[in-house]
């Protein structure tokens, strides 16, 4: 499997949840994934530290693929591929 460059990946939807605390970014991600086509990628931007741990757990639990995280100054970009 080739590694994905998350800094240049094409995303289908971006959620900007910066400034909201847990569980806000996760709830926004759960709502937004339905607007992403199957096989598409959702990017969640979050300044909440817990989101980096919450989204991978949720994605694996519900059957999506957690692709990884890119840390930017003051926030993280978290990527999930919709699988169903």
PDB file of N, CA and C in Angstrom:
ATOM      1  N   UNK A   1       0.854  -1.182   0.000  1.00  0.00           N
ATOM      2  CA  UNK A   1       0.000   0.000   0.000  1.00  0.00           C
ATOM      3  C   UNK A   1       0.896   1.240   0.000  1.00  0.00           C
ATOM      4  N   UNK A   2       0.605   2.163  -0.876  1.00  0.00           N
ATOM      5  CA  UNK A   2       1.415   3.383  -0.919  1.00  0.00           C
ATOM      6  C   UNK A   2       0.996   4.308   0.216  1.00  0.00           C
ATOM      7  N   UNK A   3       1.945   5.046   0.724  1.00  0.00           N
ATOM      8  CA  UNK A   3       1.596   5.969   1.791  1.00  0.00           C
ATOM      9  C   UNK A   3       0.933   7.204   1.180  1.00  0.00           C
ATOM     10  N   UNK A   4      -0.007   7.745   1.917  1.00  0.00           N
ATOM     11  CA  UNK A   4      -0.777   8.893   1.450  1.00  0.00           C
ATOM     12  C   UNK A   4      -0.136  10.154   2.016  1.00  0.00           C
ATOM     13  N   UNK A   5       0.044  11.155   1.165  1.00  0.00           N
ATOM     14  CA  UNK A   5       0.549  12.440   1.646  1.00  0.00           C
ATOM     15  C   UNK A   5      -0.651  13.268   2.095  1.00  0.00           C
ATOM     16  N   UNK A   6      -0.881  13.319   3.396  1.00  0.00           N
ATOM     17  CA  UNK A   6      -2.056  14.002   3.922  1.00  0.00           C
ATOM     18  C   UNK A   6      -2.009  15.510   3.709  1.00  0.00           C
ATOM     19  N   UNK A   7      -0.818  16.062   3.483  1.00  0.00           N
ATOM     20  CA  UNK A   7      -0.734  17.512   3.251  1.00  0.00           C
ATOM     21  C   UNK A   7      -1.288  17.899   1.880  1.00  0.00           C
ATOM     22  N   UNK A   8      -1.323  16.941   0.939  1.00  0.00           N
ATOM     23  CA  UNK A   8      -1.794  17.255  -0.414  1.00  0.00           C
ATOM     24  C   UNK A   8      -3.013  16.427  -0.828  1.00  0.00           C
ATOM     25  N   UNK A   9      -3.561  15.619   0.081  1.00  0.00           N
ATOM     26  CA  UNK A   9      -4.694  14.760  -0.254  1.00  0.00           C
ATOM     27  C   UNK A   9      -5.914  15.612  -0.646  1.00  0.00           C
ATOM     28  N   UNK A  10      -6.669  15.114  -1.611  1.00  0.00           N
ATOM     29  CA  UNK A  10      -7.909  15.795  -2.015  1.00  0.00           C
ATOM     30  C   UNK A  10      -9.006  15.368  -1.047  1.00  0.00           C
ATOM     31  N   UNK A  11      -9.619  16.342  -0.400  1.00  0.00           N
ATOM     32  CA  UNK A  11     -10.703  16.035   0.521  1.00  0.00           C
ATOM     33  C   UNK A  11     -12.033  16.440  -0.100  1.00  0.00           C
ATOM     34  N   UNK A  12     -13.090  15.741   0.295  1.00  0.00           N
ATOM     35  CA  UNK A  12     -14.421  16.029  -0.222  1.00  0.00           C
ATOM     36  C   UNK A  12     -15.166  17.034   0.644  1.00  0.00           C
ATOM     37  N   UNK A  13     -14.810  17.104   1.922  1.00  0.00           N
ATOM     38  CA  UNK A  13     -15.465  18.044   2.832  1.00  0.00           C
ATOM     39  C   UNK A  13     -14.496  18.391   3.954  1.00  0.00           C
ATOM     40  N   UNK A  14     -14.546  19.653   4.401  1.00  0.00           N
ATOM     41  CA  UNK A  14     -13.732  20.118   5.525  1.00  0.00           C
ATOM     42  C   UNK A  14     -14.667  20.629   6.613  1.00  0.00           C
ATOM     43  N   UNK A  15     -14.442  20.153   7.825  1.00  0.00           N
ATOM     44  CA  UNK A  15     -15.164  20.652   8.995  1.00  0.00           C
ATOM     45  C   UNK A  15     -14.180  21.481   9.797  1.00  0.00           C
ATOM     46  N   UNK A  16     -14.536  22.720  10.070  1.00  0.00           N
ATOM     47  CA  UNK A  16     -13.665  23.572  10.886  1.00  0.00           C
ATOM     48  C   UNK A  16     -14.266  23.669  12.279  1.00  0.00           C
ATOM     49  N   UNK A  17     -13.756  22.832  13.187  1.00  0.00           N
ATOM     50  CA  UNK A  17     -14.252  22.811  14.565  1.00  0.00           C
ATOM     51  C   UNK A  17     -13.241  23.438  15.516  1.00  0.00           C
ATOM     52  N   UNK A  18     -12.343  24.255  14.984  1.00  0.00           N
ATOM     53  CA  UNK A  18     -11.359  24.926  15.842  1.00  0.00           C
ATOM     54  C   UNK A  18     -12.089  25.835  16.816  1.00  0.00           C
ATOM     55  N   UNK A  19     -11.635  25.824  18.061  1.00  0.00           N
ATOM     56  CA  UNK A  19     -12.247  26.671  19.081  1.00  0.00           C
ATOM     57  C   UNK A  19     -13.378  25.998  19.831  1.00  0.00           C
ATOM     58  N   UNK A  20     -13.834  24.832  19.379  1.00  0.00           N
ATOM     59  CA  UNK A  20     -14.851  24.100  20.126  1.00  0.00           C
ATOM     60  C   UNK A  20     -14.170  22.981  20.900  1.00  0.00           C
ATOM     61  N   UNK A  21     -14.716  22.686  22.077  1.00  0.00           N
ATOM     62  CA  UNK A  21     -14.102  21.651  22.906  1.00  0.00           C
ATOM     63  C   UNK A  21     -14.855  20.338  22.766  1.00  0.00           C
ATOM     64  N   UNK A  22     -14.227  19.284  23.225  1.00  0.00           N
ATOM     65  CA  UNK A  22     -14.781  17.940  23.180  1.00  0.00           C
ATOM     66  C   UNK A  22     -16.147  17.942  23.874  1.00  0.00           C
ATOM     67  N   UNK A  23     -17.161  17.305  23.326  1.00  0.00           N
ATOM     68  CA  UNK A  23     -17.162  16.439  22.148  1.00  0.00           C
ATOM     69  C   UNK A  23     -17.555  17.137  20.854  1.00  0.00           C
ATOM     70  N   UNK A  24     -17.503  18.461  20.812  1.00  0.00           N
ATOM     71  CA  UNK A  24     -17.940  19.206  19.629  1.00  0.00           C
ATOM     72  C   UNK A  24     -17.339  18.746  18.311  1.00  0.00           C
ATOM     73  N   UNK A  25     -16.001  18.681  18.200  1.00  0.00           N
ATOM     74  CA  UNK A  25     -15.411  18.269  16.923  1.00  0.00           C
ATOM     75  C   UNK A  25     -15.831  16.861  16.487  1.00  0.00           C
ATOM     76  N   UNK A  26     -15.964  15.948  17.442  1.00  0.00           N
ATOM     77  CA  UNK A  26     -16.390  14.590  17.106  1.00  0.00           C
ATOM     78  C   UNK A  26     -17.839  14.585  16.629  1.00  0.00           C
ATOM     79  N   UNK A  27     -18.703  15.332  17.297  1.00  0.00           N
ATOM     80  CA  UNK A  27     -20.110  15.401  16.878  1.00  0.00           C
ATOM     81  C   UNK A  27     -20.230  16.017  15.489  1.00  0.00           C
ATOM     82  N   UNK A  28     -19.453  17.059  15.215  1.00  0.00           N
ATOM     83  CA  UNK A  28     -19.456  17.675  13.881  1.00  0.00           C
ATOM     84  C   UNK A  28     -18.993  16.675  12.824  1.00  0.00           C
ATOM     85  N   UNK A  29     -17.977  15.877  13.165  1.00  0.00           N
ATOM     86  CA  UNK A  29     -17.455  14.872  12.244  1.00  0.00           C
ATOM     87  C   UNK A  29     -18.507  13.818  11.950  1.00  0.00           C
ATOM     88  N   UNK A  30     -19.193  13.345  12.996  1.00  0.00           N
ATOM     89  CA  UNK A  30     -20.247  12.332  12.826  1.00  0.00           C
ATOM     90  C   UNK A  30     -21.343  12.838  11.888  1.00  0.00           C
ATOM     91  N   UNK A  31     -21.735  14.107  12.057  1.00  0.00           N
ATOM     92  CA  UNK A  31     -22.778  14.685  11.189  1.00  0.00           C
ATOM     93  C   UNK A  31     -22.285  14.837   9.759  1.00  0.00           C
ATOM     94  N   UNK A  32     -21.052  15.282   9.600  1.00  0.00           N
ATOM     95  CA  UNK A  32     -20.527  15.630   8.281  1.00  0.00           C
ATOM     96  C   UNK A  32     -20.207  14.419   7.415  1.00  0.00           C
ATOM     97  N   UNK A  33     -19.884  13.286   8.015  1.00  0.00           N
ATOM     98  CA  UNK A  33     -19.464  12.131   7.222  1.00  0.00           C
ATOM     99  C   UNK A  33     -20.572  11.704   6.256  1.00  0.00           C
ATOM    100  N   UNK A  34     -21.831  11.953   6.601  1.00  0.00           N
ATOM    101  CA  UNK A  34     -22.931  11.545   5.719  1.00  0.00           C
ATOM    102  C   UNK A  34     -22.960  12.368   4.438  1.00  0.00           C
ATOM    103  N   UNK A  35     -22.325  13.541   4.434  1.00  0.00           N
ATOM    104  CA  UNK A  35     -22.282  14.389   3.242  1.00  0.00           C
ATOM    105  C   UNK A  35     -21.104  14.056   2.335  1.00  0.00           C
ATOM    106  N   UNK A  36     -20.266  13.125   2.769  1.00  0.00           N
ATOM    107  CA  UNK A  36     -19.092  12.723   1.993  1.00  0.00           C
ATOM    108  C   UNK A  36     -19.455  11.452   1.222  1.00  0.00           C
ATOM    109  N   UNK A  37     -19.136  11.389  -0.067  1.00  0.00           N
ATOM    110  CA  UNK A  37     -19.445  10.161  -0.817  1.00  0.00           C
ATOM    111  C   UNK A  37     -18.634   8.973  -0.299  1.00  0.00           C
ATOM    112  N   UNK A  38     -19.173   7.773  -0.461  1.00  0.00           N
ATOM    113  CA  UNK A  38     -18.428   6.574  -0.062  1.00  0.00           C
ATOM    114  C   UNK A  38     -17.122   6.550  -0.857  1.00  0.00           C
ATOM    115  N   UNK A  39     -16.029   6.349  -0.145  1.00  0.00           N
ATOM    116  CA  UNK A  39     -14.706   6.415  -0.755  1.00  0.00           C
ATOM    117  C   UNK A  39     -14.092   7.798  -0.663  1.00  0.00           C
ATOM    118  N   UNK A  40     -14.880   8.765  -0.227  1.00  0.00           N
ATOM    119  CA  UNK A  40     -14.400  10.139  -0.103  1.00  0.00           C
ATOM    120  C   UNK A  40     -13.721  10.381   1.232  1.00  0.00           C
ATOM    121  N   UNK A  41     -13.103  11.545   1.353  1.00  0.00           N
ATOM    122  CA  UNK A  41     -12.313  11.880   2.542  1.00  0.00           C
ATOM    123  C   UNK A  41     -12.879  13.129   3.214  1.00  0.00           C
ATOM    124  N   UNK A  42     -12.999  13.036   4.539  1.00  0.00           N
ATOM    125  CA  UNK A  42     -13.431  14.154   5.374  1.00  0.00           C
ATOM    126  C   UNK A  42     -12.239  14.643   6.177  1.00  0.00           C
ATOM    127  N   UNK A  43     -12.049  15.945   6.196  1.00  0.00           N
ATOM    128  CA  UNK A  43     -10.999  16.553   7.031  1.00  0.00           C
ATOM    129  C   UNK A  43     -11.669  17.332   8.146  1.00  0.00           C
ATOM    130  N   UNK A  44     -11.296  17.026   9.385  1.00  0.00           N
ATOM    131  CA  UNK A  44     -11.782  17.784  10.539  1.00  0.00           C
ATOM    132  C   UNK A  44     -10.622  18.594  11.087  1.00  0.00           C
ATOM    133  N   UNK A  45     -10.845  19.892  11.230  1.00  0.00           N
ATOM    134  CA  UNK A  45      -9.830  20.767  11.830  1.00  0.00           C
ATOM    135  C   UNK A  45     -10.258  21.044  13.263  1.00  0.00           C
ATOM    136  N   UNK A  46      -9.360  20.748  14.198  1.00  0.00           N
ATOM    137  CA  UNK A  46      -9.714  20.873  15.605  1.00  0.00           C
ATOM    138  C   UNK A  46      -8.526  21.368  16.418  1.00  0.00           C
ATOM    139  N   UNK A  47      -8.826  22.254  17.362  1.00  0.00           N
ATOM    140  CA  UNK A  47      -7.804  22.726  18.295  1.00  0.00           C
ATOM    141  C   UNK A  47      -7.925  22.000  19.635  1.00  0.00           C
ATOM    142  N   UNK A  48      -8.895  21.085  19.748  1.00  0.00           N
ATOM    143  CA  UNK A  48      -9.079  20.320  20.981  1.00  0.00           C
ATOM    144  C   UNK A  48      -8.176  19.094  20.967  1.00  0.00           C
ATOM    145  N   UNK A  49      -7.335  18.957  21.977  1.00  0.00           N
ATOM    146  CA  UNK A  49      -6.339  17.883  22.047  1.00  0.00           C
ATOM    147  C   UNK A  49      -6.985  16.502  21.972  1.00  0.00           C
ATOM    148  N   UNK A  50      -8.143  16.324  22.610  1.00  0.00           N
ATOM    149  CA  UNK A  50      -8.775  15.008  22.669  1.00  0.00           C
ATOM    150  C   UNK A  50      -9.288  14.496  21.341  1.00  0.00           C
ATOM    151  N   UNK A  51      -9.506  15.396  20.398  1.00  0.00           N
ATOM    152  CA  UNK A  51     -10.059  14.997  19.108  1.00  0.00           C
ATOM    153  C   UNK A  51      -9.143  14.026  18.372  1.00  0.00           C
ATOM    154  N   UNK A  52      -7.835  14.199  18.521  1.00  0.00           N
ATOM    155  CA  UNK A  52      -6.881  13.305  17.857  1.00  0.00           C
ATOM    156  C   UNK A  52      -7.068  11.861  18.293  1.00  0.00           C
ATOM    157  N   UNK A  53      -7.517  11.652  19.522  1.00  0.00           N
ATOM    158  CA  UNK A  53      -7.755  10.298  20.028  1.00  0.00           C
ATOM    159  C   UNK A  53      -9.185   9.844  19.737  1.00  0.00           C
ATOM    160  N   UNK A  54     -10.139  10.761  19.815  1.00  0.00           N
ATOM    161  CA  UNK A  54     -11.559  10.403  19.670  1.00  0.00           C
ATOM    162  C   UNK A  54     -11.927   9.965  18.259  1.00  0.00           C
ATOM    163  N   UNK A  55     -11.471  10.701  17.258  1.00  0.00           N
ATOM    164  CA  UNK A  55     -11.893  10.412  15.880  1.00  0.00           C
ATOM    165  C   UNK A  55     -11.404   9.050  15.388  1.00  0.00           C
ATOM    166  N   UNK A  56     -10.147   8.653  15.625  1.00  0.00           N
ATOM    167  CA  UNK A  56      -9.740   7.307  15.177  1.00  0.00           C
ATOM    168  C   UNK A  56     -10.570   6.194  15.817  1.00  0.00           C
ATOM    169  N   UNK A  57     -10.878   6.326  17.112  1.00  0.00           N
ATOM    170  CA  UNK A  57     -11.678   5.312  17.808  1.00  0.00           C
ATOM    171  C   UNK A  57     -13.068   5.234  17.180  1.00  0.00           C
ATOM    172  N   UNK A  58     -13.696   6.390  16.980  1.00  0.00           N
ATOM    173  CA  UNK A  58     -15.025   6.427  16.368  1.00  0.00           C
ATOM    174  C   UNK A  58     -14.995   5.844  14.954  1.00  0.00           C
ATOM    175  N   UNK A  59     -14.028   6.258  14.143  1.00  0.00           N
ATOM    176  CA  UNK A  59     -13.960   5.797  12.749  1.00  0.00           C
ATOM    177  C   UNK A  59     -13.859   4.279  12.682  1.00  0.00           C
ATOM    178  N   UNK A  60     -12.980   3.701  13.494  1.00  0.00           N
ATOM    179  CA  UNK A  60     -12.815   2.250  13.491  1.00  0.00           C
ATOM    180  C   UNK A  60     -14.068   1.544  13.991  1.00  0.00           C
ATOM    181  N   UNK A  61     -14.732   2.136  14.969  1.00  0.00           N
ATOM    182  CA  UNK A  61     -15.922   1.525  15.553  1.00  0.00           C
ATOM    183  C   UNK A  61     -17.075   1.454  14.549  1.00  0.00           C
ATOM    184  N   UNK A  62     -17.227   2.505  13.746  1.00  0.00           N
ATOM    185  CA  UNK A  62     -18.363   2.556  12.817  1.00  0.00           C
ATOM    186  C   UNK A  62     -18.014   2.091  11.406  1.00  0.00           C
ATOM    187  N   UNK A  63     -16.766   1.717  11.158  1.00  0.00           N
ATOM    188  CA  UNK A  63     -16.416   1.117   9.876  1.00  0.00           C
ATOM    189  C   UNK A  63     -15.848   2.054   8.832  1.00  0.00           C
ATOM    190  N   UNK A  64     -15.314   3.207   9.257  1.00  0.00           N
ATOM    191  CA  UNK A  64     -14.613   4.093   8.334  1.00  0.00           C
ATOM    192  C   UNK A  64     -13.112   3.916   8.556  1.00  0.00           C
ATOM    193  N   UNK A  65     -12.304   4.526   7.693  1.00  0.00           N
ATOM    194  CA  UNK A  65     -10.857   4.372   7.807  1.00  0.00           C
ATOM    195  C   UNK A  65     -10.224   5.681   8.262  1.00  0.00           C
ATOM    196  N   UNK A  66      -9.562   5.616   9.403  1.00  0.00           N
ATOM    197  CA  UNK A  66      -8.789   6.760   9.899  1.00  0.00           C
ATOM    198  C   UNK A  66      -7.501   6.815   9.094  1.00  0.00           C
ATOM    199  N   UNK A  67      -7.246   7.952   8.424  1.00  0.00           N
ATOM    200  CA  UNK A  67      -6.066   8.074   7.570  1.00  0.00           C
ATOM    201  C   UNK A  67      -4.873   8.691   8.283  1.00  0.00           C
ATOM    202  N   UNK A  68      -5.140   9.526   9.288  1.00  0.00           N
ATOM    203  CA  UNK A  68      -4.035  10.138  10.008  1.00  0.00           C
ATOM    204  C   UNK A  68      -4.303  11.586  10.365  1.00  0.00           C
ATOM    205  N   UNK A  69      -3.278  12.223  10.889  1.00  0.00           N
ATOM    206  CA  UNK A  69      -3.399  13.602  11.356  1.00  0.00           C
ATOM    207  C   UNK A  69      -2.188  14.404  10.892  1.00  0.00           C
ATOM    208  N   UNK A  70      -2.420  15.663  10.562  1.00  0.00           N
ATOM    209  CA  UNK A  70      -1.350  16.614  10.256  1.00  0.00           C
ATOM    210  C   UNK A  70      -1.477  17.744  11.275  1.00  0.00           C
ATOM    211  N   UNK A  71      -0.422  17.967  12.041  1.00  0.00           N
ATOM    212  CA  UNK A  71      -0.450  19.035  13.038  1.00  0.00           C
ATOM    213  C   UNK A  71       0.001  20.344  12.402  1.00  0.00           C
ATOM    214  N   UNK A  72      -0.834  21.358  12.575  1.00  0.00           N
ATOM    215  CA  UNK A  72      -0.539  22.716  12.121  1.00  0.00           C
ATOM    216  C   UNK A  72      -0.382  23.584  13.366  1.00  0.00           C
ATOM    217  N   UNK A  73       0.166  24.783  13.242  1.00  0.00           N
ATOM    218  CA  UNK A  73       0.288  25.655  14.421  1.00  0.00           C
ATOM    219  C   UNK A  73      -1.088  25.962  15.024  1.00  0.00           C
ATOM    220  N   UNK A  74      -1.348  25.451  16.220  1.00  0.00           N
ATOM    221  CA  UNK A  74      -2.590  25.753  16.931  1.00  0.00           C
ATOM    222  C   UNK A  74      -3.751  24.811  16.680  1.00  0.00           C
ATOM    223  N   UNK A  75      -3.622  23.880  15.736  1.00  0.00           N
ATOM    224  CA  UNK A  75      -4.716  22.941  15.486  1.00  0.00           C
ATOM    225  C   UNK A  75      -4.214  21.705  14.739  1.00  0.00           C
ATOM    226  N   UNK A  76      -5.090  20.709  14.662  1.00  0.00           N
ATOM    227  CA  UNK A  76      -4.785  19.478  13.938  1.00  0.00           C
ATOM    228  C   UNK A  76      -5.764  19.286  12.799  1.00  0.00           C
ATOM    229  N   UNK A  77      -5.279  18.680  11.729  1.00  0.00           N
ATOM    230  CA  UNK A  77      -6.114  18.295  10.583  1.00  0.00           C
ATOM    231  C   UNK A  77      -6.212  16.773  10.621  1.00  0.00           C
ATOM    232  N   UNK A  78      -7.427  16.265  10.832  1.00  0.00           N
ATOM    233  CA  UNK A  78      -7.644  14.835  11.025  1.00  0.00           C
ATOM    234  C   UNK A  78      -8.444  14.318   9.836  1.00  0.00           C
ATOM    235  N   UNK A  79      -7.972  13.220   9.237  1.00  0.00           N
ATOM    236  CA  UNK A  79      -8.543  12.731   7.988  1.00  0.00           C
ATOM    237  C   UNK A  79      -9.193  11.364   8.170  1.00  0.00           C
ATOM    238  N   UNK A  80     -10.428  11.239   7.655  1.00  0.00           N
ATOM    239  CA  UNK A  80     -11.179   9.978   7.718  1.00  0.00           C
ATOM    240  C   UNK A  80     -11.736   9.703   6.335  1.00  0.00           C
ATOM    241  N   UNK A  81     -11.565   8.461   5.883  1.00  0.00           N
ATOM    242  CA  UNK A  81     -12.144   8.015   4.614  1.00  0.00           C
ATOM    243  C   UNK A  81     -13.448   7.288   4.884  1.00  0.00           C
ATOM    244  N   UNK A  82     -14.520   7.711   4.215  1.00  0.00           N
ATOM    245  CA  UNK A  82     -15.819   7.061   4.396  1.00  0.00           C
ATOM    246  C   UNK A  82     -15.832   5.749   3.626  1.00  0.00           C
ATOM    247  N   UNK A  83     -16.146   4.661   4.319  1.00  0.00           N
ATOM    248  CA  UNK A  83     -16.142   3.350   3.690  1.00  0.00           C
ATOM    249  C   UNK A  83     -17.536   2.751   3.511  1.00  0.00           C
ATOM    250  N   UNK A  84     -18.555   3.345   4.159  1.00  0.00           N
ATOM    251  CA  UNK A  84     -19.894   2.783   3.999  1.00  0.00           C
ATOM    252  C   UNK A  84     -20.959   3.852   4.114  1.00  0.00           C
TER     253      UNK A  84
END
